[in-house]
């Protein structure tokens, strides 16, 4: 079996985004067609099959801190491909001491990245740039990280969207 690969993207924060103290945040775990620091480019549609599997199972990838499977720090509520990349929105579990520490570091902008853990399924090499193109990946997890490989992905403030989504989730869970 091939070793799992990780891709990171930074999460520049808008000030005041975390003023509600509920731990909601969103951003991009991957931006399409950008050559990252590892020389790879994730192509549009790369997550389609993997996300389809998650949706059929009625689950989503886990949220870890620094890809550590012993440090699950929250829950993703939205993981989807859009025109820009892999958009994610979730909530840190602020009852978890590690998640609370991560939350505080995010607020201070000491942690600014998201990173995906995946297995490459279908790749090719770009003849022009000689870098690897990732056409299909098996997405395993999405982590909050300090160091990012993709320097242009950004967090988006969608607090109102997240609050509406959270109220729907709570209705479904009760």
N, C-alpha and C. Protein backbone atom coordinates (compact mmCIF):
# COMPACT_ATOMS: atom_id res chain seq x y z
N UNK A 1 0.84 -1.17 0.00
CA UNK A 1 0.00 0.00 0.00
C UNK A 1 0.89 1.24 0.00
N UNK A 2 0.51 2.26 -0.79
CA UNK A 2 1.27 3.49 -0.87
C UNK A 2 1.14 4.29 0.42
N UNK A 3 2.19 5.04 0.79
CA UNK A 3 2.08 5.88 1.98
C UNK A 3 1.13 7.05 1.71
N UNK A 4 0.43 7.48 2.77
CA UNK A 4 -0.49 8.60 2.63
C UNK A 4 0.32 9.88 2.41
N UNK A 5 -0.24 10.79 1.61
CA UNK A 5 0.39 12.06 1.30
C UNK A 5 -0.41 13.17 1.95
N UNK A 6 0.26 14.29 2.23
CA UNK A 6 -0.39 15.43 2.86
C UNK A 6 -0.18 16.67 2.01
N UNK A 7 -1.21 17.49 1.90
CA UNK A 7 -1.14 18.78 1.22
C UNK A 7 -1.69 19.82 2.16
N UNK A 8 -1.05 20.96 2.26
CA UNK A 8 -1.45 22.00 3.19
C UNK A 8 -1.79 23.29 2.46
N UNK A 9 -2.65 24.08 3.09
CA UNK A 9 -3.02 25.38 2.56
C UNK A 9 -3.22 26.33 3.73
N UNK A 10 -2.72 27.59 3.63
CA UNK A 10 -2.84 28.52 4.75
C UNK A 10 -4.27 29.03 4.92
N UNK A 11 -4.57 29.52 6.11
CA UNK A 11 -5.88 30.06 6.44
C UNK A 11 -5.76 31.46 6.99
N UNK A 12 -5.47 32.48 6.16
CA UNK A 12 -5.42 33.84 6.70
C UNK A 12 -6.79 34.18 7.29
N UNK A 13 -6.80 34.76 8.48
CA UNK A 13 -8.05 35.00 9.19
C UNK A 13 -8.47 36.45 9.14
N UNK A 14 -9.77 36.69 9.03
CA UNK A 14 -10.31 38.03 9.19
C UNK A 14 -10.45 38.30 10.67
N UNK A 15 -10.10 39.49 11.11
CA UNK A 15 -10.20 39.77 12.54
C UNK A 15 -11.66 39.74 12.96
N UNK A 16 -11.90 39.25 14.16
CA UNK A 16 -13.26 39.20 14.69
C UNK A 16 -14.06 37.99 14.27
N UNK A 17 -13.49 37.12 13.44
CA UNK A 17 -14.25 35.97 12.95
C UNK A 17 -14.67 35.05 14.08
N UNK A 18 -13.84 34.93 15.12
CA UNK A 18 -14.12 33.98 16.20
C UNK A 18 -14.74 34.64 17.43
N UNK A 19 -15.38 35.76 17.26
CA UNK A 19 -15.92 36.45 18.42
C UNK A 19 -17.10 35.73 19.05
N UNK A 20 -17.73 34.81 18.35
CA UNK A 20 -18.87 34.10 18.92
C UNK A 20 -18.46 32.99 19.89
N UNK A 21 -17.17 32.64 19.94
CA UNK A 21 -16.64 31.60 20.83
C UNK A 21 -17.32 30.25 20.64
N UNK A 22 -17.77 29.95 19.44
CA UNK A 22 -18.37 28.64 19.16
C UNK A 22 -17.43 27.74 18.37
N UNK A 23 -16.32 28.28 17.88
CA UNK A 23 -15.32 27.47 17.20
C UNK A 23 -15.58 27.23 15.72
N UNK A 24 -16.53 27.92 15.11
CA UNK A 24 -16.79 27.74 13.68
C UNK A 24 -15.66 28.35 12.85
N UNK A 25 -15.31 27.70 11.75
CA UNK A 25 -14.38 28.28 10.79
C UNK A 25 -14.55 27.59 9.45
N UNK A 26 -14.01 28.20 8.42
CA UNK A 26 -14.09 27.62 7.08
C UNK A 26 -12.88 28.05 6.28
N UNK A 27 -12.64 27.36 5.20
CA UNK A 27 -11.52 27.70 4.33
C UNK A 27 -11.36 26.67 3.24
N UNK A 28 -10.20 26.62 2.66
CA UNK A 28 -9.90 25.68 1.59
C UNK A 28 -8.78 24.75 2.01
N UNK A 29 -9.05 23.47 1.98
CA UNK A 29 -8.04 22.47 2.24
C UNK A 29 -7.12 22.27 1.06
N UNK A 30 -7.58 22.69 -0.12
CA UNK A 30 -6.81 22.56 -1.35
C UNK A 30 -7.32 23.58 -2.36
N UNK A 31 -6.41 24.16 -3.11
CA UNK A 31 -6.75 25.08 -4.19
C UNK A 31 -6.33 24.41 -5.50
N UNK A 32 -7.24 24.38 -6.46
CA UNK A 32 -6.96 23.71 -7.73
C UNK A 32 -5.93 24.47 -8.56
N UNK A 33 -5.16 23.68 -9.32
CA UNK A 33 -4.23 24.14 -10.35
C UNK A 33 -3.08 25.00 -9.84
N UNK A 34 -2.81 24.98 -8.55
CA UNK A 34 -1.70 25.74 -7.99
C UNK A 34 -0.56 24.78 -7.71
N UNK A 35 0.63 25.09 -8.20
CA UNK A 35 1.79 24.26 -7.90
C UNK A 35 2.18 24.55 -6.46
N UNK A 36 2.08 23.53 -5.62
CA UNK A 36 2.40 23.73 -4.20
C UNK A 36 3.89 23.54 -3.95
N UNK A 37 4.28 23.65 -2.72
CA UNK A 37 5.70 23.56 -2.36
C UNK A 37 6.29 22.17 -2.58
N UNK A 38 5.43 21.19 -2.81
CA UNK A 38 5.91 19.83 -3.09
C UNK A 38 5.96 19.56 -4.60
N UNK A 39 5.57 20.56 -5.40
CA UNK A 39 5.60 20.40 -6.85
C UNK A 39 4.37 19.73 -7.44
N UNK A 40 3.31 19.60 -6.66
CA UNK A 40 2.08 18.96 -7.13
C UNK A 40 1.01 20.00 -7.42
N UNK A 41 0.12 19.63 -8.32
CA UNK A 41 -1.08 20.45 -8.61
C UNK A 41 -2.30 19.56 -8.51
N UNK A 42 -3.23 19.94 -7.65
CA UNK A 42 -4.50 19.22 -7.55
C UNK A 42 -5.41 19.77 -8.64
N UNK A 43 -5.99 18.88 -9.41
CA UNK A 43 -6.82 19.28 -10.55
C UNK A 43 -8.30 19.25 -10.17
N UNK A 44 -9.12 20.08 -10.83
CA UNK A 44 -10.57 20.06 -10.56
C UNK A 44 -11.12 18.65 -10.76
N UNK A 45 -11.98 18.24 -9.85
CA UNK A 45 -12.59 16.92 -9.91
C UNK A 45 -11.81 15.86 -9.15
N UNK A 46 -10.64 16.22 -8.60
CA UNK A 46 -9.78 15.23 -7.94
C UNK A 46 -10.46 14.59 -6.72
N UNK A 47 -11.38 15.29 -6.08
CA UNK A 47 -12.02 14.78 -4.86
C UNK A 47 -13.39 14.16 -5.13
N UNK A 48 -13.87 14.24 -6.35
CA UNK A 48 -15.25 13.85 -6.67
C UNK A 48 -15.60 12.44 -6.21
N UNK A 49 -14.81 11.46 -6.57
CA UNK A 49 -15.11 10.07 -6.23
C UNK A 49 -15.04 9.85 -4.72
N UNK A 50 -14.03 10.40 -4.09
CA UNK A 50 -13.87 10.24 -2.65
C UNK A 50 -15.03 10.89 -1.89
N UNK A 51 -15.41 12.09 -2.28
CA UNK A 51 -16.54 12.76 -1.61
C UNK A 51 -17.85 12.03 -1.86
N UNK A 52 -18.00 11.47 -3.03
CA UNK A 52 -19.20 10.68 -3.33
C UNK A 52 -19.31 9.50 -2.37
N UNK A 53 -18.18 8.86 -2.10
CA UNK A 53 -18.16 7.75 -1.14
C UNK A 53 -18.59 8.23 0.24
N UNK A 54 -18.02 9.34 0.70
CA UNK A 54 -18.39 9.87 2.03
C UNK A 54 -19.89 10.18 2.10
N UNK A 55 -20.42 10.79 1.05
CA UNK A 55 -21.84 11.15 1.07
C UNK A 55 -22.73 9.91 1.10
N UNK A 56 -22.33 8.87 0.36
CA UNK A 56 -23.11 7.62 0.41
C UNK A 56 -23.08 7.01 1.81
N UNK A 57 -21.96 7.16 2.51
CA UNK A 57 -21.82 6.63 3.86
C UNK A 57 -22.41 7.57 4.92
N UNK A 58 -22.87 8.75 4.47
CA UNK A 58 -23.43 9.78 5.37
C UNK A 58 -22.43 10.17 6.46
N UNK A 59 -21.21 10.42 6.02
CA UNK A 59 -20.14 10.83 6.92
C UNK A 59 -19.23 11.81 6.17
N UNK A 60 -18.26 12.35 6.85
CA UNK A 60 -17.27 13.23 6.24
C UNK A 60 -15.89 12.88 6.80
N UNK A 61 -14.82 13.33 6.13
CA UNK A 61 -13.49 13.07 6.67
C UNK A 61 -13.35 13.62 8.09
N UNK A 62 -12.44 13.07 8.84
CA UNK A 62 -12.17 13.52 10.21
C UNK A 62 -11.38 14.82 10.20
N UNK A 63 -11.52 15.59 11.30
CA UNK A 63 -10.73 16.80 11.50
C UNK A 63 -9.69 16.50 12.58
N UNK A 64 -8.42 16.56 12.19
CA UNK A 64 -7.33 16.31 13.12
C UNK A 64 -6.48 17.56 13.30
N UNK A 65 -5.63 17.53 14.32
CA UNK A 65 -4.60 18.54 14.49
C UNK A 65 -3.29 17.93 14.02
N UNK A 66 -2.65 18.58 13.06
CA UNK A 66 -1.34 18.15 12.53
C UNK A 66 -1.33 16.69 12.07
N UNK A 67 -2.41 16.20 11.49
CA UNK A 67 -2.53 14.85 10.94
C UNK A 67 -2.40 13.74 11.99
N UNK A 68 -2.54 14.09 13.25
CA UNK A 68 -2.42 13.11 14.33
C UNK A 68 -3.78 12.48 14.59
N UNK A 69 -3.93 11.20 14.27
CA UNK A 69 -5.21 10.51 14.43
C UNK A 69 -5.64 10.41 15.89
N UNK A 70 -4.74 10.67 16.81
CA UNK A 70 -5.09 10.68 18.23
C UNK A 70 -5.55 12.05 18.70
N UNK A 71 -5.59 13.01 17.78
CA UNK A 71 -5.99 14.36 18.14
C UNK A 71 -7.15 14.83 17.26
N UNK A 72 -8.28 14.18 17.36
CA UNK A 72 -9.47 14.65 16.66
C UNK A 72 -9.98 15.87 17.42
N UNK A 73 -10.05 17.00 16.73
CA UNK A 73 -10.32 18.26 17.43
C UNK A 73 -11.65 18.92 17.06
N UNK A 74 -12.40 18.32 16.19
CA UNK A 74 -13.66 18.93 15.80
C UNK A 74 -14.36 18.09 14.76
N UNK A 75 -15.28 18.75 14.06
CA UNK A 75 -16.10 18.05 13.08
C UNK A 75 -16.31 18.95 11.87
N UNK A 76 -16.15 18.35 10.70
CA UNK A 76 -16.47 19.06 9.45
C UNK A 76 -17.96 18.90 9.18
N UNK A 77 -18.60 19.98 8.79
CA UNK A 77 -20.01 19.95 8.42
C UNK A 77 -20.21 20.11 6.92
N UNK A 78 -19.22 20.73 6.27
CA UNK A 78 -19.26 20.91 4.82
C UNK A 78 -17.89 20.57 4.27
N UNK A 79 -17.84 19.68 3.31
CA UNK A 79 -16.62 19.38 2.55
C UNK A 79 -17.09 19.21 1.11
N UNK A 80 -16.69 20.15 0.25
CA UNK A 80 -17.18 20.09 -1.13
C UNK A 80 -16.18 20.73 -2.08
N UNK A 81 -16.24 20.27 -3.31
CA UNK A 81 -15.46 20.90 -4.37
C UNK A 81 -16.28 22.05 -4.92
N UNK A 82 -15.61 23.18 -5.14
CA UNK A 82 -16.24 24.26 -5.89
C UNK A 82 -15.26 24.66 -7.00
N UNK A 83 -15.48 25.77 -7.62
CA UNK A 83 -14.63 26.18 -8.75
C UNK A 83 -13.18 26.47 -8.31
N UNK A 84 -13.00 26.82 -7.03
CA UNK A 84 -11.69 27.22 -6.52
C UNK A 84 -10.88 26.03 -5.98
N UNK A 85 -11.57 25.11 -5.30
CA UNK A 85 -10.84 24.00 -4.70
C UNK A 85 -11.73 23.20 -3.77
N UNK A 86 -11.12 22.66 -2.71
CA UNK A 86 -11.84 21.87 -1.71
C UNK A 86 -12.23 22.78 -0.56
N UNK A 87 -13.49 23.18 -0.55
CA UNK A 87 -14.01 24.07 0.49
C UNK A 87 -14.43 23.24 1.69
N UNK A 88 -14.08 23.72 2.90
CA UNK A 88 -14.46 23.03 4.12
C UNK A 88 -15.00 24.03 5.13
N UNK A 89 -15.95 23.58 5.93
CA UNK A 89 -16.48 24.38 7.03
C UNK A 89 -16.76 23.43 8.17
N UNK A 90 -16.37 23.83 9.35
CA UNK A 90 -16.55 22.96 10.49
C UNK A 90 -16.52 23.71 11.79
N UNK A 91 -16.44 22.94 12.87
CA UNK A 91 -16.45 23.52 14.20
C UNK A 91 -15.47 22.75 15.08
N UNK A 92 -14.63 23.50 15.79
CA UNK A 92 -13.74 22.90 16.77
C UNK A 92 -14.55 22.50 17.99
N UNK A 93 -14.19 21.38 18.60
CA UNK A 93 -14.84 20.92 19.83
C UNK A 93 -14.17 21.61 21.00
N UNK A 94 -14.73 22.72 21.45
CA UNK A 94 -14.09 23.55 22.46
C UNK A 94 -14.11 22.92 23.86
N UNK A 95 -14.78 21.77 24.01
CA UNK A 95 -14.71 21.02 25.27
C UNK A 95 -13.42 20.19 25.33
N UNK A 96 -12.81 19.97 24.17
CA UNK A 96 -11.56 19.21 24.06
C UNK A 96 -10.40 20.18 24.32
N UNK A 97 -9.54 19.90 25.32
CA UNK A 97 -8.44 20.82 25.64
C UNK A 97 -7.52 21.11 24.45
N UNK A 98 -7.21 20.09 23.64
CA UNK A 98 -6.35 20.31 22.47
C UNK A 98 -7.04 21.23 21.47
N UNK A 99 -8.33 21.02 21.22
CA UNK A 99 -9.08 21.86 20.29
C UNK A 99 -9.15 23.30 20.80
N UNK A 100 -9.32 23.46 22.09
CA UNK A 100 -9.37 24.81 22.68
C UNK A 100 -8.02 25.51 22.49
N UNK A 101 -6.92 24.76 22.65
CA UNK A 101 -5.59 25.32 22.43
C UNK A 101 -5.42 25.72 20.96
N UNK A 102 -5.87 24.85 20.05
CA UNK A 102 -5.79 25.16 18.61
C UNK A 102 -6.63 26.40 18.30
N UNK A 103 -7.81 26.48 18.87
CA UNK A 103 -8.70 27.62 18.68
C UNK A 103 -8.00 28.92 19.09
N UNK A 104 -7.38 28.90 20.26
CA UNK A 104 -6.68 30.09 20.75
C UNK A 104 -5.53 30.46 19.82
N UNK A 105 -4.80 29.46 19.30
CA UNK A 105 -3.70 29.74 18.38
C UNK A 105 -4.21 30.27 17.04
N UNK A 106 -5.36 29.78 16.60
CA UNK A 106 -5.95 30.31 15.37
C UNK A 106 -6.32 31.77 15.57
N UNK A 107 -6.92 32.09 16.69
CA UNK A 107 -7.30 33.47 16.98
C UNK A 107 -6.09 34.40 17.00
N UNK A 108 -4.95 33.89 17.47
CA UNK A 108 -3.71 34.68 17.50
C UNK A 108 -2.94 34.58 16.19
N UNK A 109 -3.47 33.82 15.23
CA UNK A 109 -2.87 33.58 13.92
C UNK A 109 -1.52 32.89 14.03
N UNK A 110 -1.36 32.06 15.06
CA UNK A 110 -0.17 31.22 15.19
C UNK A 110 -0.36 29.93 14.40
N UNK A 111 -1.60 29.52 14.21
CA UNK A 111 -1.94 28.40 13.33
C UNK A 111 -2.78 29.00 12.22
N UNK A 112 -2.33 28.77 10.97
CA UNK A 112 -3.01 29.41 9.84
C UNK A 112 -3.31 28.46 8.69
N UNK A 113 -3.11 27.17 8.87
CA UNK A 113 -3.21 26.28 7.73
C UNK A 113 -4.21 25.16 7.85
N UNK A 114 -4.61 24.68 6.70
CA UNK A 114 -5.37 23.44 6.56
C UNK A 114 -4.54 22.52 5.70
N UNK A 115 -4.66 21.24 5.94
CA UNK A 115 -3.88 20.27 5.19
C UNK A 115 -4.72 19.02 4.96
N UNK A 116 -4.64 18.48 3.77
CA UNK A 116 -5.40 17.26 3.46
C UNK A 116 -4.46 16.07 3.50
N UNK A 117 -4.96 14.97 4.06
CA UNK A 117 -4.27 13.70 4.00
C UNK A 117 -4.97 12.83 2.98
N UNK A 118 -4.24 12.27 2.03
CA UNK A 118 -4.87 11.54 0.93
C UNK A 118 -3.91 10.50 0.35
N UNK A 119 -4.51 9.61 -0.42
CA UNK A 119 -3.73 8.67 -1.24
C UNK A 119 -3.94 9.07 -2.69
N UNK A 120 -2.86 9.25 -3.47
CA UNK A 120 -3.03 9.55 -4.89
C UNK A 120 -3.58 8.33 -5.63
N UNK A 121 -4.60 8.52 -6.44
CA UNK A 121 -5.21 7.42 -7.20
C UNK A 121 -4.87 7.51 -8.69
N UNK A 122 -5.00 8.70 -9.25
CA UNK A 122 -4.73 8.88 -10.68
C UNK A 122 -3.92 10.16 -10.85
N UNK A 123 -2.71 10.02 -11.39
CA UNK A 123 -1.81 11.16 -11.55
C UNK A 123 -1.23 11.17 -12.97
N UNK A 124 -0.65 12.29 -13.33
CA UNK A 124 0.12 12.40 -14.57
C UNK A 124 1.20 13.45 -14.33
N UNK A 125 2.04 13.65 -15.32
CA UNK A 125 3.09 14.66 -15.22
C UNK A 125 2.82 15.73 -16.26
N UNK A 126 2.87 16.98 -15.82
CA UNK A 126 2.68 18.10 -16.74
C UNK A 126 3.91 18.22 -17.62
N UNK A 127 3.74 18.15 -18.95
CA UNK A 127 4.91 18.20 -19.83
C UNK A 127 5.62 19.56 -19.79
N UNK A 128 4.89 20.63 -19.51
CA UNK A 128 5.47 21.97 -19.49
C UNK A 128 6.26 22.23 -18.20
N UNK A 129 5.62 22.01 -17.06
CA UNK A 129 6.25 22.33 -15.77
C UNK A 129 6.94 21.13 -15.11
N UNK A 130 6.72 19.93 -15.64
CA UNK A 130 7.32 18.70 -15.11
C UNK A 130 6.89 18.41 -13.67
N UNK A 131 5.71 18.88 -13.28
CA UNK A 131 5.22 18.59 -11.94
C UNK A 131 4.10 17.56 -12.00
N UNK A 132 3.80 16.96 -10.86
CA UNK A 132 2.76 15.94 -10.80
C UNK A 132 1.38 16.60 -10.75
N UNK A 133 0.49 16.09 -11.58
CA UNK A 133 -0.91 16.52 -11.59
C UNK A 133 -1.73 15.45 -10.89
N UNK A 134 -2.50 15.84 -9.89
CA UNK A 134 -3.35 14.91 -9.15
C UNK A 134 -4.76 15.00 -9.72
N UNK A 135 -5.16 14.00 -10.50
CA UNK A 135 -6.47 13.99 -11.13
C UNK A 135 -7.53 13.34 -10.24
N UNK A 136 -7.11 12.40 -9.41
CA UNK A 136 -8.04 11.75 -8.48
C UNK A 136 -7.27 11.35 -7.23
N UNK A 137 -7.84 11.69 -6.07
CA UNK A 137 -7.23 11.32 -4.79
C UNK A 137 -8.29 10.69 -3.90
N UNK A 138 -7.82 9.85 -3.00
CA UNK A 138 -8.67 9.27 -1.96
C UNK A 138 -8.45 10.12 -0.71
N UNK A 139 -9.39 11.02 -0.44
CA UNK A 139 -9.29 11.94 0.70
C UNK A 139 -9.53 11.18 1.99
N UNK A 140 -8.59 11.25 2.93
CA UNK A 140 -8.68 10.51 4.17
C UNK A 140 -9.05 11.42 5.33
N UNK A 141 -8.41 12.58 5.42
CA UNK A 141 -8.66 13.50 6.54
C UNK A 141 -8.25 14.91 6.16
N UNK A 142 -8.73 15.87 6.95
CA UNK A 142 -8.38 17.27 6.75
C UNK A 142 -7.96 17.81 8.11
N UNK A 143 -6.73 18.30 8.20
CA UNK A 143 -6.17 18.73 9.47
C UNK A 143 -5.97 20.24 9.52
N UNK A 144 -6.02 20.76 10.74
CA UNK A 144 -5.60 22.12 11.02
C UNK A 144 -4.12 22.04 11.36
N UNK A 145 -3.28 22.82 10.63
CA UNK A 145 -1.83 22.70 10.77
C UNK A 145 -1.16 24.06 10.87
N UNK A 146 0.06 24.04 11.35
CA UNK A 146 0.85 25.28 11.44
C UNK A 146 1.56 25.60 10.14
N UNK A 147 2.04 24.59 9.43
CA UNK A 147 2.82 24.80 8.21
C UNK A 147 1.99 24.39 7.00
N UNK A 148 1.94 25.24 6.00
CA UNK A 148 1.11 24.99 4.83
C UNK A 148 1.94 24.88 3.56
N UNK A 149 1.52 23.98 2.66
CA UNK A 149 2.23 23.80 1.39
C UNK A 149 1.69 24.71 0.30
N UNK A 150 0.41 25.06 0.36
CA UNK A 150 -0.22 25.88 -0.68
C UNK A 150 -0.39 27.30 -0.16
N UNK A 151 0.38 28.26 -0.68
CA UNK A 151 0.42 29.59 -0.10
C UNK A 151 -0.75 30.52 -0.45
N UNK A 152 -1.73 30.12 -1.27
CA UNK A 152 -2.76 31.08 -1.66
C UNK A 152 -4.18 30.76 -1.19
N UNK A 153 -4.41 29.63 -0.58
CA UNK A 153 -5.76 29.33 -0.09
C UNK A 153 -6.07 30.23 1.10
N UNK A 154 -7.32 30.68 1.18
CA UNK A 154 -7.70 31.63 2.23
C UNK A 154 -8.99 31.20 2.92
N UNK A 155 -9.09 31.56 4.19
CA UNK A 155 -10.32 31.32 4.92
C UNK A 155 -11.36 32.35 4.46
N UNK A 156 -12.62 31.95 4.50
CA UNK A 156 -13.71 32.84 4.16
C UNK A 156 -14.64 32.97 5.33
N UNK A 157 -15.02 34.18 5.64
CA UNK A 157 -15.94 34.40 6.75
C UNK A 157 -17.35 34.11 6.26
N UNK A 158 -17.93 33.04 6.76
CA UNK A 158 -19.30 32.67 6.39
C UNK A 158 -20.07 32.34 7.66
N UNK A 159 -19.83 33.14 8.69
CA UNK A 159 -20.43 32.88 9.99
C UNK A 159 -21.94 32.67 9.88
N UNK A 160 -22.63 33.51 9.15
CA UNK A 160 -24.09 33.37 9.04
C UNK A 160 -24.45 32.03 8.41
N UNK A 161 -23.72 31.64 7.37
CA UNK A 161 -23.96 30.35 6.73
C UNK A 161 -23.73 29.22 7.72
N UNK A 162 -22.64 29.29 8.46
CA UNK A 162 -22.32 28.24 9.43
C UNK A 162 -23.37 28.16 10.54
N UNK A 163 -23.85 29.31 11.00
CA UNK A 163 -24.86 29.28 12.06
C UNK A 163 -26.16 28.67 11.55
N UNK A 164 -26.56 28.98 10.32
CA UNK A 164 -27.77 28.37 9.75
C UNK A 164 -27.57 26.86 9.61
N UNK A 165 -26.39 26.47 9.12
CA UNK A 165 -26.10 25.05 8.94
C UNK A 165 -26.10 24.35 10.30
N UNK A 166 -25.49 24.96 11.31
CA UNK A 166 -25.41 24.36 12.64
C UNK A 166 -26.81 24.15 13.21
N UNK A 167 -27.70 25.10 13.04
CA UNK A 167 -29.06 24.93 13.59
C UNK A 167 -29.77 23.78 12.87
N UNK A 168 -29.52 23.59 11.57
CA UNK A 168 -30.11 22.44 10.85
C UNK A 168 -29.54 21.13 11.37
N UNK A 169 -28.22 21.09 11.61
CA UNK A 169 -27.59 19.87 12.12
C UNK A 169 -28.15 19.52 13.49
N UNK A 170 -28.30 20.49 14.35
CA UNK A 170 -28.83 20.22 15.69
C UNK A 170 -30.26 19.70 15.61
N UNK A 171 -31.07 20.21 14.68
CA UNK A 171 -32.44 19.72 14.51
C UNK A 171 -32.43 18.26 14.06
N UNK A 172 -31.51 17.92 13.14
CA UNK A 172 -31.42 16.55 12.62
C UNK A 172 -30.95 15.61 13.72
N UNK A 173 -29.96 16.04 14.53
CA UNK A 173 -29.40 15.17 15.57
C UNK A 173 -30.36 14.95 16.74
N UNK A 174 -31.31 15.87 16.96
CA UNK A 174 -32.23 15.69 18.11
C UNK A 174 -33.47 14.93 17.76
